[in-house]
Amino acid sequence: MEHEHSIAAISARLTAGPRQNYLRDWIYGGIDGAVTTFAVVSGIAGAQLAPWIILVMGFANLFADGFSMAASNFLGTKSEHENWHRLEAI
């Protein structure tokens, strides 16, 4: 098992709180952003629209996807911290 399961060990992990690790966020966000932007740009290019429309839609997708990922990460992290505080109160 990865962690010891004694009361003291569990209490120590809960007291330490969640660890910050941004690597997962960067990898997940990067892959998601690359795939969705590629899909949008490919679809618009396949429709044979003007090159400037392809660029505008690609950048619009990057900004919208970045905002979406940031908001999702913020809410997920906030929920994780609230859960830790709830567990500490028990």
PDB file of N, CA and C in Angstrom:
ATOM      1  N   MET A   1       0.835  -1.177   0.000  1.00  0.00           N
ATOM      2  CA  MET A   1       0.000   0.000   0.000  1.00  0.00           C
ATOM      3  C   MET A   1       0.880   1.241   0.000  1.00  0.00           C
ATOM      4  N   GLU A   2       0.341   2.277  -0.575  1.00  0.00           N
ATOM      5  CA  GLU A   2       1.121   3.503  -0.737  1.00  0.00           C
ATOM      6  C   GLU A   2       1.278   4.265   0.576  1.00  0.00           C
ATOM      7  N   HIS A   3       0.242   4.307   1.390  1.00  0.00           N
ATOM      8  CA  HIS A   3       0.270   5.081   2.632  1.00  0.00           C
ATOM      9  C   HIS A   3      -0.029   4.187   3.827  1.00  0.00           C
ATOM     10  N   GLU A   4       0.493   4.599   4.944  1.00  0.00           N
ATOM     11  CA  GLU A   4       0.162   3.929   6.202  1.00  0.00           C
ATOM     12  C   GLU A   4      -1.252   4.335   6.592  1.00  0.00           C
ATOM     13  N   HIS A   5      -2.001   3.427   7.231  1.00  0.00           N
ATOM     14  CA  HIS A   5      -3.402   3.689   7.525  1.00  0.00           C
ATOM     15  C   HIS A   5      -3.697   3.780   9.020  1.00  0.00           C
ATOM     16  N   SER A   6      -2.706   4.123   9.790  1.00  0.00           N
ATOM     17  CA  SER A   6      -2.969   4.331  11.210  1.00  0.00           C
ATOM     18  C   SER A   6      -3.657   5.680  11.396  1.00  0.00           C
ATOM     19  N   ILE A   7      -4.286   5.860  12.533  1.00  0.00           N
ATOM     20  CA  ILE A   7      -4.991   7.118  12.816  1.00  0.00           C
ATOM     21  C   ILE A   7      -4.026   8.295  12.785  1.00  0.00           C
ATOM     22  N   ALA A   8      -2.830   8.113  13.326  1.00  0.00           N
ATOM     23  CA  ALA A   8      -1.840   9.194  13.335  1.00  0.00           C
ATOM     24  C   ALA A   8      -1.391   9.550  11.917  1.00  0.00           C
ATOM     25  N   ALA A   9      -1.184   8.542  11.068  1.00  0.00           N
ATOM     26  CA  ALA A   9      -0.747   8.797   9.698  1.00  0.00           C
ATOM     27  C   ALA A   9      -1.840   9.492   8.890  1.00  0.00           C
ATOM     28  N   ILE A  10      -3.074   9.062   9.057  1.00  0.00           N
ATOM     29  CA  ILE A  10      -4.193   9.694   8.357  1.00  0.00           C
ATOM     30  C   ILE A  10      -4.342  11.135   8.814  1.00  0.00           C
ATOM     31  N   SER A  11      -4.243  11.361  10.118  1.00  0.00           N
ATOM     32  CA  SER A  11      -4.335  12.708  10.659  1.00  0.00           C
ATOM     33  C   SER A  11      -3.227  13.604  10.119  1.00  0.00           C
ATOM     34  N   ALA A  12      -2.022  13.069  10.004  1.00  0.00           N
ATOM     35  CA  ALA A  12      -0.895  13.850   9.478  1.00  0.00           C
ATOM     36  C   ALA A  12      -1.128  14.230   8.019  1.00  0.00           C
ATOM     37  N   ARG A  13      -1.675  13.305   7.203  1.00  0.00           N
ATOM     38  CA  ARG A  13      -1.954  13.621   5.807  1.00  0.00           C
ATOM     39  C   ARG A  13      -3.050  14.669   5.685  1.00  0.00           C
ATOM     40  N   LEU A  14      -4.075  14.565   6.521  1.00  0.00           N
ATOM     41  CA  LEU A  14      -5.148  15.556   6.477  1.00  0.00           C
ATOM     42  C   LEU A  14      -4.663  16.924   6.938  1.00  0.00           C
ATOM     43  N   THR A  15      -3.794  16.949   7.928  1.00  0.00           N
ATOM     44  CA  THR A  15      -3.257  18.211   8.420  1.00  0.00           C
ATOM     45  C   THR A  15      -2.383  18.880   7.369  1.00  0.00           C
ATOM     46  N   ALA A  16      -1.640  18.091   6.601  1.00  0.00           N
ATOM     47  CA  ALA A  16      -0.754  18.645   5.577  1.00  0.00           C
ATOM     48  C   ALA A  16      -1.533  19.313   4.449  1.00  0.00           C
ATOM     49  N   GLY A  17      -2.751  18.880   4.194  1.00  0.00           N
ATOM     50  CA  GLY A  17      -3.561  19.467   3.142  1.00  0.00           C
ATOM     51  C   GLY A  17      -3.132  18.978   1.767  1.00  0.00           C
ATOM     52  N   PRO A  18      -3.830  19.447   0.747  1.00  0.00           N
ATOM     53  CA  PRO A  18      -3.500  19.003  -0.609  1.00  0.00           C
ATOM     54  C   PRO A  18      -2.177  19.605  -1.085  1.00  0.00           C
ATOM     55  N   ARG A  19      -1.430  18.822  -1.856  1.00  0.00           N
ATOM     56  CA  ARG A  19      -0.171  19.299  -2.421  1.00  0.00           C
ATOM     57  C   ARG A  19      -0.440  19.967  -3.763  1.00  0.00           C
ATOM     58  N   GLN A  20       0.334  20.988  -4.067  1.00  0.00           N
ATOM     59  CA  GLN A  20       0.201  21.663  -5.348  1.00  0.00           C
ATOM     60  C   GLN A  20       1.089  20.971  -6.371  1.00  0.00           C
ATOM     61  N   ASN A  21       0.513  20.594  -7.489  1.00  0.00           N
ATOM     62  CA  ASN A  21       1.260  20.003  -8.578  1.00  0.00           C
ATOM     63  C   ASN A  21       0.599  20.456  -9.877  1.00  0.00           C
ATOM     64  N   TYR A  22       1.291  21.314 -10.602  1.00  0.00           N
ATOM     65  CA  TYR A  22       0.712  21.897 -11.807  1.00  0.00           C
ATOM     66  C   TYR A  22       1.033  21.107 -13.070  1.00  0.00           C
ATOM     67  N   LEU A  23       1.874  20.090 -12.976  1.00  0.00           N
ATOM     68  CA  LEU A  23       2.264  19.333 -14.152  1.00  0.00           C
ATOM     69  C   LEU A  23       1.055  18.686 -14.826  1.00  0.00           C
ATOM     70  N   ARG A  24       0.184  18.087 -14.048  1.00  0.00           N
ATOM     71  CA  ARG A  24      -1.012  17.451 -14.611  1.00  0.00           C
ATOM     72  C   ARG A  24      -1.883  18.482 -15.334  1.00  0.00           C
ATOM     73  N   ASP A  25      -2.031  19.669 -14.736  1.00  0.00           N
ATOM     74  CA  ASP A  25      -2.840  20.713 -15.354  1.00  0.00           C
ATOM     75  C   ASP A  25      -2.244  21.165 -16.686  1.00  0.00           C
ATOM     76  N   TRP A  26      -0.932  21.334 -16.732  1.00  0.00           N
ATOM     77  CA  TRP A  26      -0.269  21.761 -17.967  1.00  0.00           C
ATOM     78  C   TRP A  26      -0.412  20.708 -19.061  1.00  0.00           C
ATOM     79  N   ILE A  27      -0.228  19.453 -18.714  1.00  0.00           N
ATOM     80  CA  ILE A  27      -0.319  18.389 -19.716  1.00  0.00           C
ATOM     81  C   ILE A  27      -1.756  18.248 -20.215  1.00  0.00           C
ATOM     82  N   TYR A  28      -2.699  18.192 -19.299  1.00  0.00           N
ATOM     83  CA  TYR A  28      -4.101  18.049 -19.680  1.00  0.00           C
ATOM     84  C   TYR A  28      -4.564  19.248 -20.502  1.00  0.00           C
ATOM     85  N   GLY A  29      -4.235  20.448 -20.050  1.00  0.00           N
ATOM     86  CA  GLY A  29      -4.634  21.661 -20.766  1.00  0.00           C
ATOM     87  C   GLY A  29      -3.992  21.754 -22.137  1.00  0.00           C
ATOM     88  N   GLY A  30      -2.715  21.395 -22.221  1.00  0.00           N
ATOM     89  CA  GLY A  30      -2.021  21.460 -23.498  1.00  0.00           C
ATOM     90  C   GLY A  30      -2.582  20.492 -24.523  1.00  0.00           C
ATOM     91  N   ILE A  31      -2.827  19.276 -24.107  1.00  0.00           N
ATOM     92  CA  ILE A  31      -3.382  18.285 -25.029  1.00  0.00           C
ATOM     93  C   ILE A  31      -4.798  18.669 -25.440  1.00  0.00           C
ATOM     94  N   ASP A  32      -5.605  19.066 -24.492  1.00  0.00           N
ATOM     95  CA  ASP A  32      -6.978  19.457 -24.792  1.00  0.00           C
ATOM     96  C   ASP A  32      -6.997  20.656 -25.733  1.00  0.00           C
ATOM     97  N   GLY A  33      -6.173  21.660 -25.441  1.00  0.00           N
ATOM     98  CA  GLY A  33      -6.131  22.846 -26.288  1.00  0.00           C
ATOM     99  C   GLY A  33      -5.656  22.539 -27.691  1.00  0.00           C
ATOM    100  N   ALA A  34      -4.653  21.697 -27.819  1.00  0.00           N
ATOM    101  CA  ALA A  34      -4.128  21.360 -29.146  1.00  0.00           C
ATOM    102  C   ALA A  34      -5.151  20.584 -29.967  1.00  0.00           C
ATOM    103  N   VAL A  35      -5.823  19.638 -29.342  1.00  0.00           N
ATOM    104  CA  VAL A  35      -6.785  18.805 -30.077  1.00  0.00           C
ATOM    105  C   VAL A  35      -7.993  19.624 -30.510  1.00  0.00           C
ATOM    106  N   THR A  36      -8.564  20.406 -29.608  1.00  0.00           N
ATOM    107  CA  THR A  36      -9.761  21.164 -29.979  1.00  0.00           C
ATOM    108  C   THR A  36      -9.438  22.259 -30.985  1.00  0.00           C
ATOM    109  N   THR A  37      -8.294  22.930 -30.833  1.00  0.00           N
ATOM    110  CA  THR A  37      -7.929  23.963 -31.805  1.00  0.00           C
ATOM    111  C   THR A  37      -7.675  23.338 -33.174  1.00  0.00           C
ATOM    112  N   PHE A  38      -7.000  22.200 -33.209  1.00  0.00           N
ATOM    113  CA  PHE A  38      -6.780  21.501 -34.482  1.00  0.00           C
ATOM    114  C   PHE A  38      -8.115  21.123 -35.120  1.00  0.00           C
ATOM    115  N   ALA A  39      -9.048  20.646 -34.321  1.00  0.00           N
ATOM    116  CA  ALA A  39     -10.345  20.241 -34.861  1.00  0.00           C
ATOM    117  C   ALA A  39     -11.098  21.438 -35.447  1.00  0.00           C
ATOM    118  N   VAL A  40     -11.090  22.556 -34.755  1.00  0.00           N
ATOM    119  CA  VAL A  40     -11.789  23.749 -35.246  1.00  0.00           C
ATOM    120  C   VAL A  40     -11.130  24.267 -36.523  1.00  0.00           C
ATOM    121  N   VAL A  41      -9.809  24.404 -36.507  1.00  0.00           N
ATOM    122  CA  VAL A  41      -9.096  24.913 -37.679  1.00  0.00           C
ATOM    123  C   VAL A  41      -9.247  23.958 -38.863  1.00  0.00           C
ATOM    124  N   SER A  42      -9.178  22.663 -38.626  1.00  0.00           N
ATOM    125  CA  SER A  42      -9.341  21.695 -39.712  1.00  0.00           C
ATOM    126  C   SER A  42     -10.739  21.762 -40.319  1.00  0.00           C
ATOM    127  N   GLY A  43     -11.735  21.897 -39.480  1.00  0.00           N
ATOM    128  CA  GLY A  43     -13.102  22.004 -39.976  1.00  0.00           C
ATOM    129  C   GLY A  43     -13.321  23.239 -40.812  1.00  0.00           C
ATOM    130  N   ILE A  44     -12.757  24.354 -40.371  1.00  0.00           N
ATOM    131  CA  ILE A  44     -12.912  25.602 -41.123  1.00  0.00           C
ATOM    132  C   ILE A  44     -12.105  25.549 -42.410  1.00  0.00           C
ATOM    133  N   ALA A  45     -10.897  24.984 -42.340  1.00  0.00           N
ATOM    134  CA  ALA A  45     -10.086  24.849 -43.555  1.00  0.00           C
ATOM    135  C   ALA A  45     -10.772  23.910 -44.550  1.00  0.00           C
ATOM    136  N   GLY A  46     -11.397  22.870 -44.039  1.00  0.00           N
ATOM    137  CA  GLY A  46     -12.121  21.939 -44.915  1.00  0.00           C
ATOM    138  C   GLY A  46     -13.310  22.589 -45.598  1.00  0.00           C
ATOM    139  N   ALA A  47     -13.852  23.611 -44.981  1.00  0.00           N
ATOM    140  CA  ALA A  47     -14.963  24.341 -45.593  1.00  0.00           C
ATOM    141  C   ALA A  47     -14.471  25.328 -46.641  1.00  0.00           C
ATOM    142  N   GLN A  48     -13.157  25.410 -46.816  1.00  0.00           N
ATOM    143  CA  GLN A  48     -12.509  26.273 -47.800  1.00  0.00           C
ATOM    144  C   GLN A  48     -12.875  27.739 -47.621  1.00  0.00           C
ATOM    145  N   LEU A  49     -12.845  28.171 -46.354  1.00  0.00           N
ATOM    146  CA  LEU A  49     -13.070  29.584 -46.064  1.00  0.00           C
ATOM    147  C   LEU A  49     -11.764  30.339 -46.210  1.00  0.00           C
ATOM    148  N   ALA A  50     -11.839  31.629 -46.166  1.00  0.00           N
ATOM    149  CA  ALA A  50     -10.660  32.490 -46.336  1.00  0.00           C
ATOM    150  C   ALA A  50      -9.644  32.224 -45.221  1.00  0.00           C
ATOM    151  N   PRO A  51      -8.353  32.361 -45.539  1.00  0.00           N
ATOM    152  CA  PRO A  51      -7.316  32.120 -44.525  1.00  0.00           C
ATOM    153  C   PRO A  51      -7.455  32.999 -43.285  1.00  0.00           C
ATOM    154  N   TRP A  52      -7.886  34.241 -43.437  1.00  0.00           N
ATOM    155  CA  TRP A  52      -8.018  35.112 -42.263  1.00  0.00           C
ATOM    156  C   TRP A  52      -9.126  34.617 -41.340  1.00  0.00           C
ATOM    157  N   ILE A  53     -10.165  33.994 -41.891  1.00  0.00           N
ATOM    158  CA  ILE A  53     -11.237  33.431 -41.066  1.00  0.00           C
ATOM    159  C   ILE A  53     -10.696  32.236 -40.274  1.00  0.00           C
ATOM    160  N   ILE A  54      -9.853  31.447 -40.907  1.00  0.00           N
ATOM    161  CA  ILE A  54      -9.246  30.306 -40.219  1.00  0.00           C
ATOM    162  C   ILE A  54      -8.422  30.794 -39.032  1.00  0.00           C
ATOM    163  N   LEU A  55      -7.622  31.841 -39.243  1.00  0.00           N
ATOM    164  CA  LEU A  55      -6.802  32.393 -38.154  1.00  0.00           C
ATOM    165  C   LEU A  55      -7.655  32.972 -37.031  1.00  0.00           C
ATOM    166  N   VAL A  56      -8.665  33.737 -37.404  1.00  0.00           N
ATOM    167  CA  VAL A  56      -9.537  34.349 -36.384  1.00  0.00           C
ATOM    168  C   VAL A  56     -10.237  33.270 -35.564  1.00  0.00           C
ATOM    169  N   MET A  57     -10.776  32.271 -36.226  1.00  0.00           N
ATOM    170  CA  MET A  57     -11.472  31.202 -35.496  1.00  0.00           C
ATOM    171  C   MET A  57     -10.512  30.375 -34.657  1.00  0.00           C
ATOM    172  N   GLY A  58      -9.287  30.152 -35.147  1.00  0.00           N
ATOM    173  CA  GLY A  58      -8.286  29.426 -34.368  1.00  0.00           C
ATOM    174  C   GLY A  58      -7.921  30.169 -33.087  1.00  0.00           C
ATOM    175  N   PHE A  59      -7.676  31.489 -33.200  1.00  0.00           N
ATOM    176  CA  PHE A  59      -7.340  32.269 -32.007  1.00  0.00           C
ATOM    177  C   PHE A  59      -8.538  32.395 -31.061  1.00  0.00           C
ATOM    178  N   ALA A  60      -9.730  32.549 -31.625  1.00  0.00           N
ATOM    179  CA  ALA A  60     -10.928  32.610 -30.776  1.00  0.00           C
ATOM    180  C   ALA A  60     -11.094  31.312 -29.995  1.00  0.00           C
ATOM    181  N   ASN A  61     -10.823  30.188 -30.655  1.00  0.00           N
ATOM    182  CA  ASN A  61     -10.917  28.894 -29.979  1.00  0.00           C
ATOM    183  C   ASN A  61      -9.865  28.784 -28.878  1.00  0.00           C
ATOM    184  N   LEU A  62      -8.632  29.251 -29.149  1.00  0.00           N
ATOM    185  CA  LEU A  62      -7.579  29.208 -28.131  1.00  0.00           C
ATOM    186  C   LEU A  62      -7.975  29.993 -26.891  1.00  0.00           C
ATOM    187  N   PHE A  63      -8.493  31.205 -27.092  1.00  0.00           N
ATOM    188  CA  PHE A  63      -8.888  32.026 -25.946  1.00  0.00           C
ATOM    189  C   PHE A  63     -10.064  31.406 -25.188  1.00  0.00           C
ATOM    190  N   ALA A  64     -11.075  30.937 -25.919  1.00  0.00           N
ATOM    191  CA  ALA A  64     -12.244  30.337 -25.261  1.00  0.00           C
ATOM    192  C   ALA A  64     -11.863  29.060 -24.527  1.00  0.00           C
ATOM    193  N   ASP A  65     -11.028  28.242 -25.150  1.00  0.00           N
ATOM    194  CA  ASP A  65     -10.611  26.990 -24.522  1.00  0.00           C
ATOM    195  C   ASP A  65      -9.740  27.267 -23.302  1.00  0.00           C
ATOM    196  N   GLY A  66      -8.866  28.249 -23.404  1.00  0.00           N
ATOM    197  CA  GLY A  66      -8.024  28.619 -22.258  1.00  0.00           C
ATOM    198  C   GLY A  66      -8.864  29.108 -21.092  1.00  0.00           C
ATOM    199  N   PHE A  67      -9.854  29.946 -21.368  1.00  0.00           N
ATOM    200  CA  PHE A  67     -10.733  30.430 -20.303  1.00  0.00           C
ATOM    201  C   PHE A  67     -11.520  29.285 -19.688  1.00  0.00           C
ATOM    202  N   SER A  68     -12.024  28.392 -20.521  1.00  0.00           N
ATOM    203  CA  SER A  68     -12.788  27.254 -20.028  1.00  0.00           C
ATOM    204  C   SER A  68     -11.940  26.363 -19.126  1.00  0.00           C
ATOM    205  N   MET A  69     -10.714  26.077 -19.547  1.00  0.00           N
ATOM    206  CA  MET A  69      -9.828  25.222 -18.749  1.00  0.00           C
ATOM    207  C   MET A  69      -9.462  25.918 -17.436  1.00  0.00           C
ATOM    208  N   ALA A  70      -9.204  27.223 -17.485  1.00  0.00           N
ATOM    209  CA  ALA A  70      -8.848  27.955 -16.269  1.00  0.00           C
ATOM    210  C   ALA A  70     -10.013  27.970 -15.278  1.00  0.00           C
ATOM    211  N   ALA A  71     -11.217  28.222 -15.772  1.00  0.00           N
ATOM    212  CA  ALA A  71     -12.386  28.240 -14.896  1.00  0.00           C
ATOM    213  C   ALA A  71     -12.643  26.858 -14.303  1.00  0.00           C
ATOM    214  N   SER A  72     -12.502  25.822 -15.121  1.00  0.00           N
ATOM    215  CA  SER A  72     -12.703  24.456 -14.626  1.00  0.00           C
ATOM    216  C   SER A  72     -11.667  24.081 -13.582  1.00  0.00           C
ATOM    217  N   ASN A  73     -10.409  24.448 -13.822  1.00  0.00           N
ATOM    218  CA  ASN A  73      -9.351  24.144 -12.863  1.00  0.00           C
ATOM    219  C   ASN A  73      -9.569  24.909 -11.562  1.00  0.00           C
ATOM    220  N   PHE A  74      -9.973  26.173 -11.659  1.00  0.00           N
ATOM    221  CA  PHE A  74     -10.245  26.964 -10.456  1.00  0.00           C
ATOM    222  C   PHE A  74     -11.353  26.321  -9.627  1.00  0.00           C
ATOM    223  N   LEU A  75     -12.452  25.976 -10.269  1.00  0.00           N
ATOM    224  CA  LEU A  75     -13.572  25.384  -9.533  1.00  0.00           C
ATOM    225  C   LEU A  75     -13.223  24.006  -8.973  1.00  0.00           C
ATOM    226  N   GLY A  76     -12.453  23.217  -9.730  1.00  0.00           N
ATOM    227  CA  GLY A  76     -12.031  21.908  -9.231  1.00  0.00           C
ATOM    228  C   GLY A  76     -11.119  22.028  -8.022  1.00  0.00           C
ATOM    229  N   THR A  77     -10.158  22.964  -8.081  1.00  0.00           N
ATOM    230  CA  THR A  77      -9.246  23.176  -6.963  1.00  0.00           C
ATOM    231  C   THR A  77      -9.990  23.709  -5.748  1.00  0.00           C
ATOM    232  N   LYS A  78     -10.923  24.634  -5.980  1.00  0.00           N
ATOM    233  CA  LYS A  78     -11.722  25.172  -4.882  1.00  0.00           C
ATOM    234  C   LYS A  78     -12.532  24.060  -4.211  1.00  0.00           C
ATOM    235  N   SER A  79     -13.130  23.188  -5.003  1.00  0.00           N
ATOM    236  CA  SER A  79     -13.903  22.071  -4.446  1.00  0.00           C
ATOM    237  C   SER A  79     -13.015  21.122  -3.659  1.00  0.00           C
ATOM    238  N   GLU A  80     -11.800  20.882  -4.161  1.00  0.00           N
ATOM    239  CA  GLU A  80     -10.864  20.011  -3.453  1.00  0.00           C
ATOM    240  C   GLU A  80     -10.494  20.600  -2.087  1.00  0.00           C
ATOM    241  N   HIS A  81     -10.229  21.903  -2.053  1.00  0.00           N
ATOM    242  CA  HIS A  81      -9.896  22.551  -0.776  1.00  0.00           C
ATOM    243  C   HIS A  81     -11.087  22.543   0.181  1.00  0.00           C
ATOM    244  N   GLU A  82     -12.280  22.785  -0.345  1.00  0.00           N
ATOM    245  CA  GLU A  82     -13.468  22.738   0.510  1.00  0.00           C
ATOM    246  C   GLU A  82     -13.665  21.336   1.083  1.00  0.00           C
ATOM    247  N   ASN A  83     -13.384  20.318   0.296  1.00  0.00           N
ATOM    248  CA  ASN A  83     -13.509  18.945   0.784  1.00  0.00           C
ATOM    249  C   ASN A  83     -12.495  18.679   1.891  1.00  0.00           C
ATOM    250  N   TRP A  84     -11.248  19.177   1.733  1.00  0.00           N
ATOM    251  CA  TRP A  84     -10.234  19.017   2.779  1.00  0.00           C
ATOM    252  C   TRP A  84     -10.685  19.691   4.074  1.00  0.00           C
ATOM    253  N   HIS A  85     -11.251  20.896   3.960  1.00  0.00           N
ATOM    254  CA  HIS A  85     -11.715  21.598   5.159  1.00  0.00           C
ATOM    255  C   HIS A  85     -12.872  20.857   5.813  1.00  0.00           C
ATOM    256  N   ARG A  86     -13.729  20.251   4.988  1.00  0.00           N
ATOM    257  CA  ARG A  86     -14.830  19.454   5.551  1.00  0.00           C
ATOM    258  C   ARG A  86     -14.284  18.248   6.303  1.00  0.00           C
ATOM    259  N   LEU A  87     -13.275  17.575   5.726  1.00  0.00           N
ATOM    260  CA  LEU A  87     -12.690  16.415   6.396  1.00  0.00           C
ATOM    261  C   LEU A  87     -11.955  16.806   7.683  1.00  0.00           C
ATOM    262  N   GLU A  88     -11.334  17.971   7.680  1.00  0.00           N
ATOM    263  CA  GLU A  88     -10.650  18.436   8.890  1.00  0.00           C
ATOM    264  C   GLU A  88     -11.634  18.708  10.019  1.00  0.00           C
ATOM    265  N   ALA A  89     -12.845  19.139   9.661  1.00  0.00           N
ATOM    266  CA  ALA A  89     -13.846  19.484  10.667  1.00  0.00           C
ATOM    267  C   ALA A  89     -14.451  18.242  11.347  1.00  0.00           C
ATOM    268  N   ILE A  90     -14.271  17.092  10.735  1.00  0.00           N
ATOM    269  CA  ILE A  90     -14.866  15.860  11.285  1.00  0.00           C
ATOM    270  C   ILE A  90     -14.120  15.425  12.525  1.00  0.00           C
TER     271      ILE A  90
END
